[in-house]
Protein backbone atom coordinates (compact mmCIF):
# COMPACT_ATOMS: atom_id res chain seq x y z
CA MET A 1 -256.55 -101.32 92.84
CA SER A 2 -254.34 -104.21 93.13
CA GLU A 3 -255.90 -107.35 94.16
CA GLN A 4 -253.92 -109.56 96.36
CA PRO A 5 -255.11 -112.98 97.05
CA LEU A 6 -256.23 -113.19 100.62
CA THR A 7 -255.03 -116.33 102.20
CA GLN A 8 -256.40 -117.25 105.50
CA ILE A 9 -254.69 -119.79 107.60
CA GLU A 10 -257.26 -122.25 108.67
CA LYS A 11 -256.99 -123.25 112.26
CA PRO A 12 -257.98 -126.74 113.16
CA PRO A 13 -261.23 -126.74 115.10
CA THR A 14 -260.56 -126.77 118.85
CA ARG A 15 -262.31 -129.46 120.74
CA GLY A 16 -262.91 -129.61 124.48
CA PRO A 17 -263.02 -132.69 126.60
CA GLY A 18 -265.69 -135.23 125.79
CA TYR A 19 -268.33 -136.62 128.12
CA LEU A 20 -266.10 -139.40 129.41
CA GLU A 21 -263.26 -137.03 130.25
CA VAL A 22 -265.64 -134.64 132.03
CA ILE A 23 -267.09 -137.50 134.09
CA ILE A 24 -263.62 -138.76 135.07
CA ILE A 25 -262.40 -135.27 136.00
CA THR A 26 -265.55 -134.67 138.07
CA LEU A 27 -265.15 -137.97 139.92
CA ILE A 28 -261.49 -137.27 140.70
CA VAL A 29 -262.19 -133.74 141.96
CA SER A 30 -265.16 -134.92 144.04
CA THR A 31 -263.17 -137.76 145.61
CA LEU A 32 -260.24 -135.49 146.47
CA THR A 33 -262.61 -132.93 147.99
CA LEU A 34 -264.29 -135.55 150.19
CA VAL A 35 -260.98 -137.01 151.35
CA ALA A 36 -259.59 -133.57 152.19
CA TYR A 37 -262.75 -132.62 154.08
CA ASP A 38 -262.74 -135.89 156.02
CA ARG A 39 -259.10 -135.56 157.04
CA MET A 40 -258.97 -131.85 157.82
CA PHE A 41 -262.41 -130.59 158.84
CA ALA A 42 -264.88 -133.36 159.78
CA GLN A 43 -265.42 -133.89 163.50
CA LYS A 44 -264.82 -137.42 164.72
CA VAL A 45 -265.79 -138.86 168.10
CA ARG A 46 -263.21 -140.56 170.31
CA VAL A 47 -264.43 -142.41 173.40
CA ILE A 48 -262.66 -142.72 176.76
CA ASP A 49 -263.63 -145.21 179.46
CA LEU A 50 -262.37 -142.97 182.23
CA GLN A 51 -264.67 -144.31 184.95
CA GLY A 52 -263.62 -147.90 184.26
CA TYR A 53 -259.97 -146.89 184.38
CA LEU A 54 -260.42 -144.98 187.64
CA ARG A 55 -262.40 -147.87 189.13
CA THR A 56 -259.57 -150.29 188.26
CA GLN A 57 -256.93 -147.96 189.68
CA LYS A 58 -258.94 -147.46 192.88
CA ALA A 59 -259.33 -151.24 193.28
CA LEU A 60 -255.59 -151.69 192.82
CA LEU A 61 -254.93 -148.95 195.38
CA THR A 62 -257.29 -150.47 197.95
CA ALA A 63 -255.84 -153.95 197.39
CA GLY A 64 -252.36 -152.54 198.05
CA GLU A 65 -251.00 -153.49 194.64
CA ILE A 66 -250.06 -149.89 193.89
CA THR A 67 -249.03 -147.03 196.16
CA GLN A 68 -250.54 -143.58 196.42
CA ARG A 69 -247.60 -142.21 194.44
CA GLN A 70 -248.15 -144.77 191.63
CA TRP A 71 -251.83 -143.85 191.59
CA GLN A 72 -250.96 -140.16 191.17
CA ALA A 73 -248.47 -141.07 188.43
CA SER A 74 -251.15 -143.06 186.59
CA LEU A 75 -253.51 -140.07 186.73
CA ASP A 76 -250.75 -137.86 185.32
CA THR A 77 -250.18 -140.44 182.59
CA VAL A 78 -253.87 -140.34 181.64
CA ASP A 79 -253.68 -136.56 181.40
CA GLN A 80 -250.58 -136.78 179.21
CA VAL A 81 -252.18 -139.41 176.94
CA LEU A 82 -255.28 -137.25 176.47
CA ASN A 83 -253.17 -134.16 175.77
CA LYS A 84 -251.12 -136.05 173.16
CA GLN A 85 -254.25 -137.40 171.50
CA ALA A 86 -255.83 -133.95 171.42
CA ALA A 87 -252.68 -132.40 169.93
CA ALA A 88 -252.32 -135.14 167.31
CA HIS A 89 -255.99 -135.06 166.28
CA PRO A 90 -257.33 -131.49 166.45
CA ASN A 91 -260.62 -132.36 164.72
CA HIS A 92 -261.49 -135.16 167.15
CA LEU A 93 -264.00 -134.78 169.94
CA PHE A 94 -263.17 -136.66 173.16
CA ILE A 95 -266.11 -137.74 175.32
CA LEU A 96 -266.76 -140.29 178.05
CA ASN A 97 -267.76 -143.85 177.22
CA ASP A 98 -270.98 -143.52 179.25
CA VAL A 99 -272.36 -140.90 176.87
CA VAL A 100 -271.82 -142.82 173.62
CA LEU A 101 -274.10 -145.74 172.79
CA ARG A 102 -272.02 -147.21 169.95
CA ASN A 103 -269.69 -146.55 167.02
CA GLY A 104 -267.11 -144.47 168.84
CA ASN A 105 -263.38 -145.08 168.48
CA GLU A 106 -262.17 -145.89 171.98
CA ILE A 107 -258.89 -144.65 173.39
CA SER A 108 -257.29 -147.44 175.35
CA LEU A 109 -256.12 -146.49 178.83
CA GLN A 110 -253.96 -149.29 180.22
CA PRO A 111 -253.85 -149.54 184.03
CA GLN A 112 -250.41 -149.43 185.61
CA ARG A 113 -249.40 -152.04 188.13
């Protein structure tokens, strides 16, 4: 029997991330998850003061400051604004101002004159 010296190549011990690295990675992943959820999935409330807008338009119509055709055009404009907002923000919920007590982001509807 011939004896050959067995030489083993020693590998340096592998070391995983330490506590600080694990905490930093966890914070980064958690923050990115919350931001992605907020932007893509979370429902947000948008408020519309439709009655106030219609009241203003009706007062302008009765005062003779706008015509019937301008009134119809303003109603079409409101519909277009709401459609654009809904298309741009699919995770937003649009409700009337009368229903919300506070903390709703209001969509501004400017009366036409």
